[in-house]
Amino acid sequence: MILKVKNLVKNYYKDNEKIEAVNNISYNFEKGKFYAIMGPSGSGKSTFLHLIGTLDTYDEGSVFINNIDVSSLDDLQLSKIRKEEIGFVFQSFYLNNNMKAYENVIMPIMLDKIPYKDKKEKGITILNSLGLEKRVNHYPSELSKGECQRVAIARALINNPNIILADEPTGNLDSKASEDIVSLLKKTNKKYNQTIIMITHNLEIAKMADRIITIEDGRIVDDKWIF
């Protein structure tokens, strides 16, 4: 298992009321599989994704990435795990508008001790593989939303991570661009044998994954393979 979650719990408190955002979830994610997570707004999907991506802390339970219990790691070690093992794709792209496409892509490796020309070449190679060979020197403001999301995916791939976490990656896109983006995720999933965990509200998009997990009230209520 590339990612294992055991008895995960995350609570929030509002006006002295306890909100069980993630309620005792246990799950094993297999390497090389594409998972879609569905559920109503407020069901705990994004909280769960942030917990397994080490972007937030949990109250109880364990998260194992490549058999490493991340709860035992300090901030520096967690940053290293995020950089080496996980690529993130978000609904809002989070691109730097003052940077060209390839510059956004290589941001995660800017501090690596390799020549800049090698970093640039790697970023451009990934952009080319995602169909953006004519956009590498364009700024985000010069790109369509679908192209911006492709740049965000390229950035997530720059460190060759074992896991891609995608939080509503098609939420800002039209149906055609949405299908194109998920097709790209499937392509990287197969090409690099990555585990992809994607949140979506769109059932047709979810059906493009290998497995659909449904979360309600912080619990997994359904889990099925797509054939």
C-alpha atoms as a PDB file:
ATOM      1  CA  MET A   1       0.000   0.000   0.000  1.00  0.00           C
ATOM      2  CA  ILE A   2       1.356   3.392  -0.957  1.00  0.00           C
ATOM      3  CA  LEU A   3      -1.010   5.173   1.448  1.00  0.00           C
ATOM      4  CA  LYS A   4      -2.724   3.767   4.504  1.00  0.00           C
ATOM      5  CA  VAL A   5      -5.183   5.579   6.760  1.00  0.00           C
ATOM      6  CA  LYS A   6      -6.193   4.092  10.097  1.00  0.00           C
ATOM      7  CA  ASN A   7      -8.993   5.360  12.392  1.00  0.00           C
ATOM      8  CA  LEU A   8      -8.527   8.952  11.242  1.00  0.00           C
ATOM      9  CA  VAL A   9     -10.434  11.593  13.231  1.00  0.00           C
ATOM     10  CA  LYS A  10     -10.620  15.368  12.796  1.00  0.00           C
ATOM     11  CA  ASN A  11     -13.003  17.547  14.793  1.00  0.00           C
ATOM     12  CA  TYR A  12     -13.761  21.252  14.619  1.00  0.00           C
ATOM     13  CA  TYR A  13     -15.568  23.341  17.206  1.00  0.00           C
ATOM     14  CA  LYS A  14     -17.981  26.165  16.470  1.00  0.00           C
ATOM     15  CA  ASP A  15     -19.924  27.928  19.233  1.00  0.00           C
ATOM     16  CA  ASN A  16     -19.053  25.052  21.596  1.00  0.00           C
ATOM     17  CA  GLU A  17     -20.511  22.546  19.098  1.00  0.00           C
ATOM     18  CA  LYS A  18     -18.284  19.703  17.965  1.00  0.00           C
ATOM     19  CA  ILE A  19     -18.259  19.128  14.212  1.00  0.00           C
ATOM     20  CA  GLU A  20     -16.939  15.697  13.208  1.00  0.00           C
ATOM     21  CA  ALA A  21     -15.292  16.533   9.885  1.00  0.00           C
ATOM     22  CA  VAL A  22     -13.551  13.148   9.574  1.00  0.00           C
ATOM     23  CA  ASN A  23     -15.052  10.404  11.697  1.00  0.00           C
ATOM     24  CA  ASN A  24     -12.893   7.300  12.211  1.00  0.00           C
ATOM     25  CA  ILE A  25     -11.944   6.646   8.577  1.00  0.00           C
ATOM     26  CA  SER A  26      -9.691   3.709   7.738  1.00  0.00           C
ATOM     27  CA  TYR A  27      -8.641   2.981   4.155  1.00  0.00           C
ATOM     28  CA  ASN A  28      -5.826   1.472   2.090  1.00  0.00           C
ATOM     29  CA  PHE A  29      -4.920   3.164  -1.197  1.00  0.00           C
ATOM     30  CA  GLU A  30      -3.171   0.915  -3.701  1.00  0.00           C
ATOM     31  CA  LYS A  31      -0.237   2.088  -5.772  1.00  0.00           C
ATOM     32  CA  GLY A  32      -1.106   2.930  -9.370  1.00  0.00           C
ATOM     33  CA  LYS A  33      -4.874   3.218  -8.848  1.00  0.00           C
ATOM     34  CA  PHE A  34      -7.090   6.224  -9.598  1.00  0.00           C
ATOM     35  CA  TYR A  35      -9.616   7.041  -6.854  1.00  0.00           C
ATOM     36  CA  ALA A  36     -12.481   9.529  -7.029  1.00  0.00           C
ATOM     37  CA  ILE A  37     -13.987  10.844  -3.794  1.00  0.00           C
ATOM     38  CA  MET A  38     -17.556  12.088  -3.880  1.00  0.00           C
ATOM     39  CA  GLY A  39     -20.057  13.382  -1.336  1.00  0.00           C
ATOM     40  CA  PRO A  40     -22.190  16.418  -0.501  1.00  0.00           C
ATOM     41  CA  SER A  41     -20.675  19.776   0.429  1.00  0.00           C
ATOM     42  CA  GLY A  42     -19.481  19.750   4.016  1.00  0.00           C
ATOM     43  CA  SER A  43     -19.168  15.963   4.126  1.00  0.00           C
ATOM     44  CA  GLY A  44     -15.455  16.048   4.985  1.00  0.00           C
ATOM     45  CA  LYS A  45     -13.944  15.278   1.564  1.00  0.00           C
ATOM     46  CA  SER A  46     -11.481  18.172   1.411  1.00  0.00           C
ATOM     47  CA  THR A  47     -10.592  17.844   5.083  1.00  0.00           C
ATOM     48  CA  PHE A  48      -9.780  14.177   4.510  1.00  0.00           C
ATOM     49  CA  LEU A  49      -7.623  15.039   1.489  1.00  0.00           C
ATOM     50  CA  HIS A  50      -5.745  17.696   3.434  1.00  0.00           C
ATOM     51  CA  LEU A  51      -5.105  15.267   6.290  1.00  0.00           C
ATOM     52  CA  ILE A  52      -3.671  12.528   4.086  1.00  0.00           C
ATOM     53  CA  GLY A  53      -1.609  15.151   2.267  1.00  0.00           C
ATOM     54  CA  THR A  54      -0.134  16.332   5.599  1.00  0.00           C
ATOM     55  CA  LEU A  55      -1.505  19.842   4.993  1.00  0.00           C
ATOM     56  CA  ASP A  56      -3.473  19.646   8.235  1.00  0.00           C
ATOM     57  CA  THR A  57      -3.162  17.749  11.514  1.00  0.00           C
ATOM     58  CA  TYR A  58      -5.604  15.131  12.767  1.00  0.00           C
ATOM     59  CA  ASP A  59      -6.878  14.511  16.290  1.00  0.00           C
ATOM     60  CA  GLU A  60      -6.669  10.732  16.293  1.00  0.00           C
ATOM     61  CA  GLY A  61      -5.506   7.909  14.057  1.00  0.00           C
ATOM     62  CA  SER A  62      -2.576   7.352  11.732  1.00  0.00           C
ATOM     63  CA  VAL A  63      -1.499   8.110   8.169  1.00  0.00           C
ATOM     64  CA  PHE A  64       1.219   5.976   6.584  1.00  0.00           C
ATOM     65  CA  ILE A  65       2.909   7.069   3.353  1.00  0.00           C
ATOM     66  CA  ASN A  66       5.240   4.431   1.926  1.00  0.00           C
ATOM     67  CA  ASN A  67       5.029   2.684   5.312  1.00  0.00           C
ATOM     68  CA  ILE A  68       6.163   5.821   7.156  1.00  0.00           C
ATOM     69  CA  ASP A  69       3.907   6.997   9.998  1.00  0.00           C
ATOM     70  CA  VAL A  70       3.785  10.722   9.233  1.00  0.00           C
ATOM     71  CA  SER A  71       2.548  11.567  12.755  1.00  0.00           C
ATOM     72  CA  SER A  72       6.066  10.788  13.981  1.00  0.00           C
ATOM     73  CA  LEU A  73       7.687  13.374  11.678  1.00  0.00           C
ATOM     74  CA  ASP A  74       8.676  16.951  12.462  1.00  0.00           C
ATOM     75  CA  ASP A  75       7.850  19.899  10.188  1.00  0.00           C
ATOM     76  CA  LEU A  76      11.054  19.573   8.165  1.00  0.00           C
ATOM     77  CA  GLN A  77      10.488  15.859   7.597  1.00  0.00           C
ATOM     78  CA  LEU A  78       6.851  16.487   6.633  1.00  0.00           C
ATOM     79  CA  SER A  79       7.963  19.076   4.079  1.00  0.00           C
ATOM     80  CA  LYS A  80      10.358  16.505   2.631  1.00  0.00           C
ATOM     81  CA  ILE A  81       7.563  13.901   2.407  1.00  0.00           C
ATOM     82  CA  ARG A  82       5.264  16.393   0.667  1.00  0.00           C
ATOM     83  CA  LYS A  83       7.963  17.355  -1.815  1.00  0.00           C
ATOM     84  CA  GLU A  84       9.116  13.836  -2.653  1.00  0.00           C
ATOM     85  CA  GLU A  85       5.949  11.764  -2.365  1.00  0.00           C
ATOM     86  CA  ILE A  86       2.947  14.019  -3.079  1.00  0.00           C
ATOM     87  CA  GLY A  87       1.850  16.297  -5.900  1.00  0.00           C
ATOM     88  CA  PHE A  88      -1.061  18.674  -5.294  1.00  0.00           C
ATOM     89  CA  VAL A  89      -3.610  19.961  -7.817  1.00  0.00           C
ATOM     90  CA  PHE A  90      -6.248  22.437  -6.651  1.00  0.00           C
ATOM     91  CA  GLN A  91      -9.399  23.919  -8.144  1.00  0.00           C
ATOM     92  CA  SER A  92      -7.962  27.453  -8.153  1.00  0.00           C
ATOM     93  CA  PHE A  93      -4.639  26.563  -9.859  1.00  0.00           C
ATOM     94  CA  TYR A  94      -2.531  28.751  -7.501  1.00  0.00           C
ATOM     95  CA  LEU A  95      -0.197  29.893 -10.259  1.00  0.00           C
ATOM     96  CA  ASN A  96       2.057  32.929  -9.882  1.00  0.00           C
ATOM     97  CA  ASN A  97       0.791  35.462 -12.409  1.00  0.00           C
ATOM     98  CA  ASN A  98       4.227  37.065 -12.663  1.00  0.00           C
ATOM     99  CA  MET A  99       5.871  33.846 -13.782  1.00  0.00           C
ATOM    100  CA  LYS A 100       5.820  32.101 -17.126  1.00  0.00           C
ATOM    101  CA  ALA A 101       4.302  28.642 -17.400  1.00  0.00           C
ATOM    102  CA  TYR A 102       7.604  26.772 -17.153  1.00  0.00           C
ATOM    103  CA  GLU A 103       8.668  28.959 -14.193  1.00  0.00           C
ATOM    104  CA  ASN A 104       5.496  28.003 -12.309  1.00  0.00           C
ATOM    105  CA  VAL A 105       6.170  24.346 -13.033  1.00  0.00           C
ATOM    106  CA  ILE A 106       9.711  24.341 -11.649  1.00  0.00           C
ATOM    107  CA  MET A 107       8.901  26.293  -8.475  1.00  0.00           C
ATOM    108  CA  PRO A 108       8.998  23.132  -6.262  1.00  0.00           C
ATOM    109  CA  ILE A 109      12.571  22.375  -7.384  1.00  0.00           C
ATOM    110  CA  MET A 110      13.985  25.906  -7.437  1.00  0.00           C
ATOM    111  CA  LEU A 111      16.080  25.268  -4.319  1.00  0.00           C
ATOM    112  CA  ASP A 112      17.405  21.938  -5.576  1.00  0.00           C
ATOM    113  CA  LYS A 113      21.146  21.891  -6.237  1.00  0.00           C
ATOM    114  CA  ILE A 114      20.934  21.293  -9.972  1.00  0.00           C
ATOM    115  CA  PRO A 115      21.669  23.782 -12.779  1.00  0.00           C
ATOM    116  CA  TYR A 116      18.822  26.109 -13.660  1.00  0.00           C
ATOM    117  CA  LYS A 117      18.965  25.067 -17.305  1.00  0.00           C
ATOM    118  CA  ASP A 118      18.291  21.461 -16.246  1.00  0.00           C
ATOM    119  CA  LYS A 119      15.325  22.558 -14.131  1.00  0.00           C
ATOM    120  CA  LYS A 120      13.964  24.584 -17.037  1.00  0.00           C
ATOM    121  CA  GLU A 121      14.431  21.695 -19.450  1.00  0.00           C
ATOM    122  CA  LYS A 122      12.596  19.326 -17.113  1.00  0.00           C
ATOM    123  CA  GLY A 123       9.700  21.756 -16.701  1.00  0.00           C
ATOM    124  CA  ILE A 124       9.395  22.310 -20.435  1.00  0.00           C
ATOM    125  CA  THR A 125       9.535  18.562 -21.096  1.00  0.00           C
ATOM    126  CA  ILE A 126       6.584  17.972 -18.766  1.00  0.00           C
ATOM    127  CA  LEU A 127       4.611  20.863 -20.290  1.00  0.00           C
ATOM    128  CA  ASN A 128       5.279  19.420 -23.742  1.00  0.00           C
ATOM    129  CA  SER A 129       3.968  16.029 -22.626  1.00  0.00           C
ATOM    130  CA  LEU A 130       0.731  17.732 -21.530  1.00  0.00           C
ATOM    131  CA  GLY A 131       0.220  19.442 -24.880  1.00  0.00           C
ATOM    132  CA  LEU A 132       1.513  22.876 -23.875  1.00  0.00           C
ATOM    133  CA  GLU A 133       4.612  23.015 -26.053  1.00  0.00           C
ATOM    134  CA  LYS A 134       3.451  26.363 -27.507  1.00  0.00           C
ATOM    135  CA  ARG A 135       2.625  27.857 -24.099  1.00  0.00           C
ATOM    136  CA  VAL A 136       5.802  27.329 -22.071  1.00  0.00           C
ATOM    137  CA  ASN A 137       6.706  31.032 -22.138  1.00  0.00           C
ATOM    138  CA  HIS A 138       3.177  32.327 -21.605  1.00  0.00           C
ATOM    139  CA  TYR A 139       1.967  33.904 -18.367  1.00  0.00           C
ATOM    140  CA  PRO A 140      -1.184  32.540 -16.639  1.00  0.00           C
ATOM    141  CA  SER A 141      -3.166  35.575 -17.804  1.00  0.00           C
ATOM    142  CA  GLU A 142      -2.429  34.519 -21.390  1.00  0.00           C
ATOM    143  CA  LEU A 143      -3.731  30.976 -20.871  1.00  0.00           C
ATOM    144  CA  SER A 144      -7.215  29.488 -20.775  1.00  0.00           C
ATOM    145  CA  LYS A 145      -8.479  27.951 -17.517  1.00  0.00           C
ATOM    146  CA  GLY A 146      -7.909  24.482 -18.926  1.00  0.00           C
ATOM    147  CA  GLU A 147      -4.337  25.392 -19.867  1.00  0.00           C
ATOM    148  CA  CYS A 148      -3.748  26.861 -16.393  1.00  0.00           C
ATOM    149  CA  GLN A 149      -4.860  23.578 -14.860  1.00  0.00           C
ATOM    150  CA  ARG A 150      -2.470  21.697 -17.134  1.00  0.00           C
ATOM    151  CA  VAL A 151       0.347  23.896 -15.863  1.00  0.00           C
ATOM    152  CA  ALA A 152      -0.760  23.090 -12.308  1.00  0.00           C
ATOM    153  CA  ILE A 153      -0.677  19.373 -13.131  1.00  0.00           C
ATOM    154  CA  ALA A 154       2.793  19.759 -14.643  1.00  0.00           C
ATOM    155  CA  ARG A 155       3.933  21.439 -11.426  1.00  0.00           C
ATOM    156  CA  ALA A 156       2.501  18.521  -9.418  1.00  0.00           C
ATOM    157  CA  LEU A 157       4.512  16.103 -11.572  1.00  0.00           C
ATOM    158  CA  ILE A 158       7.860  17.885 -11.393  1.00  0.00           C
ATOM    159  CA  ASN A 159       9.179  15.724  -8.524  1.00  0.00           C
ATOM    160  CA  ASN A 160       7.850  12.431  -9.910  1.00  0.00           C
ATOM    161  CA  PRO A 161       5.628  11.853  -6.838  1.00  0.00           C
ATOM    162  CA  ASN A 162       4.012   8.528  -5.998  1.00  0.00           C
ATOM    163  CA  ILE A 163       0.736  10.245  -5.047  1.00  0.00           C
ATOM    164  CA  ILE A 164      -1.296  12.989  -6.732  1.00  0.00           C
ATOM    165  CA  LEU A 165      -3.986  14.653  -4.600  1.00  0.00           C
ATOM    166  CA  ALA A 166      -6.472  16.636  -6.693  1.00  0.00           C
ATOM    167  CA  ASP A 167      -9.100  18.743  -4.912  1.00  0.00           C
ATOM    168  CA  GLU A 168     -11.895  19.588  -7.397  1.00  0.00           C
ATOM    169  CA  PRO A 169      -9.400  19.994 -10.285  1.00  0.00           C
ATOM    170  CA  THR A 170     -12.248  20.496 -12.783  1.00  0.00           C
ATOM    171  CA  GLY A 171     -14.397  22.760 -10.614  1.00  0.00           C
ATOM    172  CA  ASN A 172     -13.579  25.913 -12.619  1.00  0.00           C
ATOM    173  CA  LEU A 173     -13.696  24.268 -16.040  1.00  0.00           C
ATOM    174  CA  ASP A 174     -16.338  23.584 -18.673  1.00  0.00           C
ATOM    175  CA  SER A 175     -17.324  20.007 -19.464  1.00  0.00           C
ATOM    176  CA  LYS A 176     -14.886  19.574 -22.373  1.00  0.00           C
ATOM    177  CA  ALA A 177     -11.920  20.983 -20.462  1.00  0.00           C
ATOM    178  CA  SER A 178     -12.930  18.909 -17.422  1.00  0.00           C
ATOM    179  CA  GLU A 179     -12.858  15.704 -19.430  1.00  0.00           C
ATOM    180  CA  ASP A 180      -9.499  16.676 -20.941  1.00  0.00           C
ATOM    181  CA  ILE A 181      -7.986  17.319 -17.500  1.00  0.00           C
ATOM    182  CA  VAL A 182      -9.154  14.000 -16.047  1.00  0.00           C
ATOM    183  CA  SER A 183      -7.935  12.227 -19.187  1.00  0.00           C
ATOM    184  CA  LEU A 184      -4.511  13.791 -18.545  1.00  0.00           C
ATOM    185  CA  LEU A 185      -4.601  12.597 -14.940  1.00  0.00           C
ATOM    186  CA  LYS A 186      -5.430   9.095 -16.164  1.00  0.00           C
ATOM    187  CA  LYS A 187      -2.521   9.328 -18.605  1.00  0.00           C
ATOM    188  CA  THR A 188      -0.039  10.262 -15.869  1.00  0.00           C
ATOM    189  CA  ASN A 189      -1.585   7.617 -13.603  1.00  0.00           C
ATOM    190  CA  LYS A 190      -0.802   4.887 -16.131  1.00  0.00           C
ATOM    191  CA  LYS A 191       2.490   6.286 -17.399  1.00  0.00           C
ATOM    192  CA  TYR A 192       4.101   6.804 -13.982  1.00  0.00           C
ATOM    193  CA  ASN A 193       2.123   4.214 -11.964  1.00  0.00           C
ATOM    194  CA  GLN A 194       0.977   6.970  -9.614  1.00  0.00           C
ATOM    195  CA  THR A 195      -1.844   6.794  -7.126  1.00  0.00           C
ATOM    196  CA  ILE A 196      -4.323   9.585  -7.831  1.00  0.00           C
ATOM    197  CA  ILE A 197      -6.970  10.647  -5.314  1.00  0.00           C
ATOM    198  CA  MET A 198      -9.396  13.188  -6.771  1.00  0.00           C
ATOM    199  CA  ILE A 199     -12.356  14.976  -5.223  1.00  0.00           C
ATOM    200  CA  THR A 200     -15.224  15.731  -7.583  1.00  0.00           C
ATOM    201  CA  HIS A 201     -18.946  16.507  -7.501  1.00  0.00           C
ATOM    202  CA  ASN A 202     -19.381  15.276 -11.071  1.00  0.00           C
ATOM    203  CA  LEU A 203     -20.429  11.619 -11.328  1.00  0.00           C
ATOM    204  CA  GLU A 204     -19.443  11.371 -14.997  1.00  0.00           C
ATOM    205  CA  ILE A 205     -15.970  12.628 -14.146  1.00  0.00           C
ATOM    206  CA  ALA A 206     -15.803  10.245 -11.171  1.00  0.00           C
ATOM    207  CA  LYS A 207     -16.621   7.316 -13.455  1.00  0.00           C
ATOM    208  CA  MET A 208     -13.326   7.930 -15.267  1.00  0.00           C
ATOM    209  CA  ALA A 209     -11.500   6.753 -12.122  1.00  0.00           C
ATOM    210  CA  ASP A 210     -10.835   3.143 -11.121  1.00  0.00           C
ATOM    211  CA  ARG A 211     -12.781   3.399  -7.888  1.00  0.00           C
ATOM    212  CA  ILE A 212     -15.368   5.748  -6.383  1.00  0.00           C
ATOM    213  CA  ILE A 213     -15.388   6.440  -2.640  1.00  0.00           C
ATOM    214  CA  THR A 214     -18.410   8.253  -1.193  1.00  0.00           C
ATOM    215  CA  ILE A 215     -18.060  10.222   2.042  1.00  0.00           C
ATOM    216  CA  GLU A 216     -20.982  11.515   4.094  1.00  0.00           C
ATOM    217  CA  ASP A 217     -20.823  13.071   7.567  1.00  0.00           C
ATOM    218  CA  GLY A 218     -17.114  12.344   7.762  1.00  0.00           C
ATOM    219  CA  ARG A 219     -17.493   8.614   7.072  1.00  0.00           C
ATOM    220  CA  ILE A 220     -17.002   6.391   4.032  1.00  0.00           C
ATOM    221  CA  VAL A 221     -20.494   5.132   3.147  1.00  0.00           C
ATOM    222  CA  ASP A 222     -19.769   3.575  -0.238  1.00  0.00           C
ATOM    223  CA  ASP A 223     -16.722   2.222  -2.036  1.00  0.00           C
ATOM    224  CA  LYS A 224     -16.824   0.482  -5.404  1.00  0.00           C
ATOM    225  CA  TRP A 225     -14.682  -0.381  -8.403  1.00  0.00           C
ATOM    226  CA  ILE A 226     -15.606   1.009 -11.815  1.00  0.00           C
ATOM    227  CA  PHE A 227     -15.602  -1.618 -14.544  1.00  0.00           C
END
